[in-house]
């Protein structure tokens, strides 16, 4: 799908960024976006849950 994309770090040199983009485009068929697209994959491997301690205090990240 054309609306899907990945973010590439802006700190990469121009040549490296161009090569990475070309490699990703060339190999786009090797990547999947959903576990359902990988038949035979155990859902326990493909999915995870974030365990959150209800007693933990909220920490606000400063900018």
PDB file of N, CA and C in Angstrom:
ATOM      1  N   UNK A   1       0.839  -1.186   0.000  1.00  0.00           N
ATOM      2  CA  UNK A   1       0.000   0.000   0.000  1.00  0.00           C
ATOM      3  C   UNK A   1       0.879   1.243   0.000  1.00  0.00           C
ATOM      4  N   UNK A   2       0.577   2.195  -0.827  1.00  0.00           N
ATOM      5  CA  UNK A   2       1.409   3.391  -0.922  1.00  0.00           C
ATOM      6  C   UNK A   2       1.390   4.261   0.328  1.00  0.00           C
ATOM      7  N   UNK A   3       0.372   4.131   1.179  1.00  0.00           N
ATOM      8  CA  UNK A   3       0.286   4.992   2.359  1.00  0.00           C
ATOM      9  C   UNK A   3       1.205   4.519   3.481  1.00  0.00           C
ATOM     10  N   UNK A   4       1.784   3.349   3.346  1.00  0.00           N
ATOM     11  CA  UNK A   4       2.674   2.835   4.381  1.00  0.00           C
ATOM     12  C   UNK A   4       4.077   3.364   4.152  1.00  0.00           C
ATOM     13  N   UNK A   5       4.772   3.599   5.237  1.00  0.00           N
ATOM     14  CA  UNK A   5       6.128   4.105   5.103  1.00  0.00           C
ATOM     15  C   UNK A   5       6.924   3.865   6.363  1.00  0.00           C
ATOM     16  N   UNK A   6       8.191   4.125   6.273  1.00  0.00           N
ATOM     17  CA  UNK A   6       9.082   4.015   7.417  1.00  0.00           C
ATOM     18  C   UNK A   6       9.825   5.332   7.562  1.00  0.00           C
ATOM     19  N   UNK A   7      10.284   5.592   8.759  1.00  0.00           N
ATOM     20  CA  UNK A   7      11.052   6.806   9.005  1.00  0.00           C
ATOM     21  C   UNK A   7      12.534   6.461   8.964  1.00  0.00           C
ATOM     22  N   UNK A   8      13.295   7.312   8.322  1.00  0.00           N
ATOM     23  CA  UNK A   8      14.740   7.148   8.223  1.00  0.00           C
ATOM     24  C   UNK A   8      15.379   8.336   8.923  1.00  0.00           C
ATOM     25  N   UNK A   9      16.363   8.060   9.740  1.00  0.00           N
ATOM     26  CA  UNK A   9      17.017   9.110  10.515  1.00  0.00           C
ATOM     27  C   UNK A   9      17.585  10.224   9.653  1.00  0.00           C
ATOM     28  N   UNK A  10      17.398  11.440  10.106  1.00  0.00           N
ATOM     29  CA  UNK A  10      17.896  12.595   9.357  1.00  0.00           C
ATOM     30  C   UNK A  10      19.396  12.774   9.533  1.00  0.00           C
ATOM     31  N   UNK A  11      19.979  12.068  10.489  1.00  0.00           N
ATOM     32  CA  UNK A  11      21.411  12.195  10.733  1.00  0.00           C
ATOM     33  C   UNK A  11      22.271  11.379   9.790  1.00  0.00           C
ATOM     34  N   UNK A  12      21.655  10.615   8.917  1.00  0.00           N
ATOM     35  CA  UNK A  12      22.425   9.802   7.973  1.00  0.00           C
ATOM     36  C   UNK A  12      22.980  10.668   6.849  1.00  0.00           C
ATOM     37  N   UNK A  13      24.170  10.341   6.387  1.00  0.00           N
ATOM     38  CA  UNK A  13      24.702  11.057   5.221  1.00  0.00           C
ATOM     39  C   UNK A  13      23.790  10.827   4.012  1.00  0.00           C
ATOM     40  N   UNK A  14      23.762  11.778   3.089  1.00  0.00           N
ATOM     41  CA  UNK A  14      22.870  11.704   1.926  1.00  0.00           C
ATOM     42  C   UNK A  14      23.033  10.412   1.139  1.00  0.00           C
ATOM     43  N   UNK A  15      24.271  10.013   0.872  1.00  0.00           N
ATOM     44  CA  UNK A  15      24.508   8.801   0.094  1.00  0.00           C
ATOM     45  C   UNK A  15      23.953   7.572   0.818  1.00  0.00           C
ATOM     46  N   UNK A  16      24.188   7.487   2.117  1.00  0.00           N
ATOM     47  CA  UNK A  16      23.687   6.355   2.901  1.00  0.00           C
ATOM     48  C   UNK A  16      22.168   6.328   2.886  1.00  0.00           C
ATOM     49  N   UNK A  17      21.547   7.499   3.035  1.00  0.00           N
ATOM     50  CA  UNK A  17      20.086   7.585   3.024  1.00  0.00           C
ATOM     51  C   UNK A  17      19.532   7.116   1.680  1.00  0.00           C
ATOM     52  N   UNK A  18      20.144   7.554   0.577  1.00  0.00           N
ATOM     53  CA  UNK A  18      19.695   7.143  -0.757  1.00  0.00           C
ATOM     54  C   UNK A  18      19.849   5.641  -0.953  1.00  0.00           C
ATOM     55  N   UNK A  19      20.976   5.094  -0.491  1.00  0.00           N
ATOM     56  CA  UNK A  19      21.207   3.651  -0.621  1.00  0.00           C
ATOM     57  C   UNK A  19      20.209   2.859   0.217  1.00  0.00           C
ATOM     58  N   UNK A  20      19.923   3.334   1.416  1.00  0.00           N
ATOM     59  CA  UNK A  20      18.964   2.657   2.285  1.00  0.00           C
ATOM     60  C   UNK A  20      17.570   2.679   1.675  1.00  0.00           C
ATOM     61  N   UNK A  21      17.161   3.833   1.153  1.00  0.00           N
ATOM     62  CA  UNK A  21      15.853   3.929   0.498  1.00  0.00           C
ATOM     63  C   UNK A  21      15.758   2.965  -0.675  1.00  0.00           C
ATOM     64  N   UNK A  22      16.802   2.912  -1.485  1.00  0.00           N
ATOM     65  CA  UNK A  22      16.807   2.016  -2.643  1.00  0.00           C
ATOM     66  C   UNK A  22      16.714   0.561  -2.199  1.00  0.00           C
ATOM     67  N   UNK A  23      17.442   0.211  -1.160  1.00  0.00           N
ATOM     68  CA  UNK A  23      17.419  -1.164  -0.646  1.00  0.00           C
ATOM     69  C   UNK A  23      16.039  -1.520  -0.109  1.00  0.00           C
ATOM     70  N   UNK A  24      15.425  -0.612   0.640  1.00  0.00           N
ATOM     71  CA  UNK A  24      14.091  -0.873   1.191  1.00  0.00           C
ATOM     72  C   UNK A  24      13.052  -1.017   0.084  1.00  0.00           C
ATOM     73  N   UNK A  25      13.130  -0.157  -0.926  1.00  0.00           N
ATOM     74  CA  UNK A  25      12.182  -0.254  -2.048  1.00  0.00           C
ATOM     75  C   UNK A  25      12.373  -1.563  -2.812  1.00  0.00           C
ATOM     76  N   UNK A  26      13.627  -1.928  -3.029  1.00  0.00           N
ATOM     77  CA  UNK A  26      13.938  -3.146  -3.775  1.00  0.00           C
ATOM     78  C   UNK A  26      13.459  -4.395  -3.038  1.00  0.00           C
ATOM     79  N   UNK A  27      13.475  -4.348  -1.722  1.00  0.00           N
ATOM     80  CA  UNK A  27      13.113  -5.512  -0.911  1.00  0.00           C
ATOM     81  C   UNK A  27      11.775  -5.355  -0.199  1.00  0.00           C
ATOM     82  N   UNK A  28      10.940  -4.439  -0.655  1.00  0.00           N
ATOM     83  CA  UNK A  28       9.660  -4.165   0.010  1.00  0.00           C
ATOM     84  C   UNK A  28       8.792  -5.411   0.141  1.00  0.00           C
ATOM     85  N   UNK A  29       8.890  -6.326  -0.802  1.00  0.00           N
ATOM     86  CA  UNK A  29       8.085  -7.540  -0.756  1.00  0.00           C
ATOM     87  C   UNK A  29       8.482  -8.504   0.348  1.00  0.00           C
ATOM     88  N   UNK A  30       9.616  -8.266   0.977  1.00  0.00           N
ATOM     89  CA  UNK A  30      10.083  -9.148   2.046  1.00  0.00           C
ATOM     90  C   UNK A  30       9.534  -8.759   3.410  1.00  0.00           C
ATOM     91  N   UNK A  31       8.977  -7.564   3.522  1.00  0.00           N
ATOM     92  CA  UNK A  31       8.495  -7.065   4.801  1.00  0.00           C
ATOM     93  C   UNK A  31       6.990  -7.259   4.923  1.00  0.00           C
ATOM     94  N   UNK A  32       6.528  -7.436   6.143  1.00  0.00           N
ATOM     95  CA  UNK A  32       5.092  -7.543   6.393  1.00  0.00           C
ATOM     96  C   UNK A  32       4.705  -6.480   7.414  1.00  0.00           C
ATOM     97  N   UNK A  33       3.439  -6.090   7.383  1.00  0.00           N
ATOM     98  CA  UNK A  33       2.941  -5.075   8.299  1.00  0.00           C
ATOM     99  C   UNK A  33       2.113  -5.684   9.418  1.00  0.00           C
ATOM    100  N   UNK A  34       1.608  -6.886   9.207  1.00  0.00           N
ATOM    101  CA  UNK A  34       0.762  -7.540  10.201  1.00  0.00           C
ATOM    102  C   UNK A  34       1.191  -8.993  10.358  1.00  0.00           C
ATOM    103  N   UNK A  35       1.038  -9.517  11.563  1.00  0.00           N
ATOM    104  CA  UNK A  35       1.399 -10.912  11.825  1.00  0.00           C
ATOM    105  C   UNK A  35       0.576 -11.868  10.964  1.00  0.00           C
ATOM    106  N   UNK A  36      -0.640 -11.476  10.604  1.00  0.00           N
ATOM    107  CA  UNK A  36      -1.517 -12.328   9.791  1.00  0.00           C
ATOM    108  C   UNK A  36      -0.895 -12.606   8.419  1.00  0.00           C
ATOM    109  N   UNK A  37       0.010 -11.735   7.977  1.00  0.00           N
ATOM    110  CA  UNK A  37       0.660 -11.892   6.680  1.00  0.00           C
ATOM    111  C   UNK A  37       1.778 -12.938   6.710  1.00  0.00           C
ATOM    112  N   UNK A  38       2.022 -13.529   7.890  1.00  0.00           N
ATOM    113  CA  UNK A  38       3.077 -14.533   8.025  1.00  0.00           C
ATOM    114  C   UNK A  38       2.465 -15.848   8.494  1.00  0.00           C
ATOM    115  N   UNK A  39       1.941 -16.643   7.575  1.00  0.00           N
ATOM    116  CA  UNK A  39       1.326 -17.900   7.972  1.00  0.00           C
ATOM    117  C   UNK A  39       2.330 -18.802   8.685  1.00  0.00           C
ATOM    118  N   UNK A  40       1.847 -19.461   9.730  1.00  0.00           N
ATOM    119  CA  UNK A  40       2.698 -20.363  10.492  1.00  0.00           C
ATOM    120  C   UNK A  40       3.448 -19.693  11.622  1.00  0.00           C
ATOM    121  N   UNK A  41       3.357 -18.376  11.723  1.00  0.00           N
ATOM    122  CA  UNK A  41       4.032 -17.664  12.799  1.00  0.00           C
ATOM    123  C   UNK A  41       3.210 -17.768  14.074  1.00  0.00           C
ATOM    124  N   UNK A  42       3.834 -18.197  15.151  1.00  0.00           N
ATOM    125  CA  UNK A  42       3.157 -18.316  16.439  1.00  0.00           C
ATOM    126  C   UNK A  42       2.793 -16.913  16.935  1.00  0.00           C
ATOM    127  N   UNK A  43       1.502 -16.645  17.207  1.00  0.00           N
ATOM    128  CA  UNK A  43       1.092 -15.317  17.686  1.00  0.00           C
ATOM    129  C   UNK A  43       1.795 -14.903  18.979  1.00  0.00           C
ATOM    130  N   UNK A  44       2.221 -15.865  19.777  1.00  0.00           N
ATOM    131  CA  UNK A  44       2.939 -15.531  21.008  1.00  0.00           C
ATOM    132  C   UNK A  44       4.303 -14.922  20.713  1.00  0.00           C
ATOM    133  N   UNK A  45       4.838 -15.211  19.556  1.00  0.00           N
ATOM    134  CA  UNK A  45       6.119 -14.629  19.154  1.00  0.00           C
ATOM    135  C   UNK A  45       5.895 -13.260  18.525  1.00  0.00           C
ATOM    136  N   UNK A  46       4.836 -13.130  17.746  1.00  0.00           N
ATOM    137  CA  UNK A  46       4.597 -11.914  16.976  1.00  0.00           C
ATOM    138  C   UNK A  46       3.958 -10.796  17.788  1.00  0.00           C
ATOM    139  N   UNK A  47       3.264 -11.128  18.861  1.00  0.00           N
ATOM    140  CA  UNK A  47       2.527 -10.123  19.628  1.00  0.00           C
ATOM    141  C   UNK A  47       3.114  -9.999  21.029  1.00  0.00           C
ATOM    142  N   UNK A  48       3.001  -8.833  21.586  1.00  0.00           N
ATOM    143  CA  UNK A  48       3.461  -8.625  22.950  1.00  0.00           C
ATOM    144  C   UNK A  48       2.483  -7.719  23.682  1.00  0.00           C
ATOM    145  N   UNK A  49       2.562  -7.755  24.975  1.00  0.00           N
ATOM    146  CA  UNK A  49       1.747  -6.872  25.798  1.00  0.00           C
ATOM    147  C   UNK A  49       2.680  -6.129  26.738  1.00  0.00           C
ATOM    148  N   UNK A  50       2.428  -4.871  26.906  1.00  0.00           N
ATOM    149  CA  UNK A  50       3.216  -4.065  27.817  1.00  0.00           C
ATOM    150  C   UNK A  50       2.653  -4.241  29.220  1.00  0.00           C
ATOM    151  N   UNK A  51       3.479  -4.733  30.118  1.00  0.00           N
ATOM    152  CA  UNK A  51       3.046  -4.920  31.491  1.00  0.00           C
ATOM    153  C   UNK A  51       3.268  -3.614  32.238  1.00  0.00           C
ATOM    154  N   UNK A  52       2.192  -3.089  32.785  1.00  0.00           N
ATOM    155  CA  UNK A  52       2.267  -1.817  33.499  1.00  0.00           C
ATOM    156  C   UNK A  52       1.916  -2.053  34.957  1.00  0.00           C
ATOM    157  N   UNK A  53       2.771  -1.578  35.835  1.00  0.00           N
ATOM    158  CA  UNK A  53       2.535  -1.701  37.269  1.00  0.00           C
ATOM    159  C   UNK A  53       1.527  -0.629  37.675  1.00  0.00           C
ATOM    160  N   UNK A  54       0.334  -1.032  38.146  1.00  0.00           N
ATOM    161  CA  UNK A  54      -0.670  -0.032  38.527  1.00  0.00           C
ATOM    162  C   UNK A  54      -0.221   0.847  39.689  1.00  0.00           C
ATOM    163  N   UNK A  55       0.768   0.400  40.451  1.00  0.00           N
ATOM    164  CA  UNK A  55       1.249   1.191  41.584  1.00  0.00           C
ATOM    165  C   UNK A  55       2.321   2.200  41.168  1.00  0.00           C
ATOM    166  N   UNK A  56       2.774   2.128  39.942  1.00  0.00           N
ATOM    167  CA  UNK A  56       3.830   3.031  39.474  1.00  0.00           C
ATOM    168  C   UNK A  56       3.287   4.441  39.299  1.00  0.00           C
ATOM    169  N   UNK A  57       4.135   5.422  39.588  1.00  0.00           N
ATOM    170  CA  UNK A  57       3.707   6.810  39.430  1.00  0.00           C
ATOM    171  C   UNK A  57       3.973   7.272  37.997  1.00  0.00           C
ATOM    172  N   UNK A  58       3.186   8.225  37.550  1.00  0.00           N
ATOM    173  CA  UNK A  58       3.310   8.760  36.201  1.00  0.00           C
ATOM    174  C   UNK A  58       4.503   9.707  36.150  1.00  0.00           C
ATOM    175  N   UNK A  59       5.313   9.574  35.110  1.00  0.00           N
ATOM    176  CA  UNK A  59       6.460  10.458  34.920  1.00  0.00           C
ATOM    177  C   UNK A  59       6.254  11.195  33.606  1.00  0.00           C
ATOM    178  N   UNK A  60       6.281  12.517  33.653  1.00  0.00           N
ATOM    179  CA  UNK A  60       6.108  13.332  32.458  1.00  0.00           C
ATOM    180  C   UNK A  60       7.484  13.634  31.881  1.00  0.00           C
ATOM    181  N   UNK A  61       7.645  13.351  30.599  1.00  0.00           N
ATOM    182  CA  UNK A  61       8.923  13.596  29.941  1.00  0.00           C
ATOM    183  C   UNK A  61       9.064  15.078  29.633  1.00  0.00           C
ATOM    184  N   UNK A  62      10.202  15.633  29.983  1.00  0.00           N
ATOM    185  CA  UNK A  62      10.469  17.046  29.697  1.00  0.00           C
ATOM    186  C   UNK A  62      11.026  17.183  28.300  1.00  0.00           C
ATOM    187  N   UNK A  63      10.734  18.299  27.679  1.00  0.00           N
ATOM    188  CA  UNK A  63      11.250  18.553  26.325  1.00  0.00           C
ATOM    189  C   UNK A  63      12.422  19.471  26.374  1.00  0.00           C
TER     190      UNK A  63
END
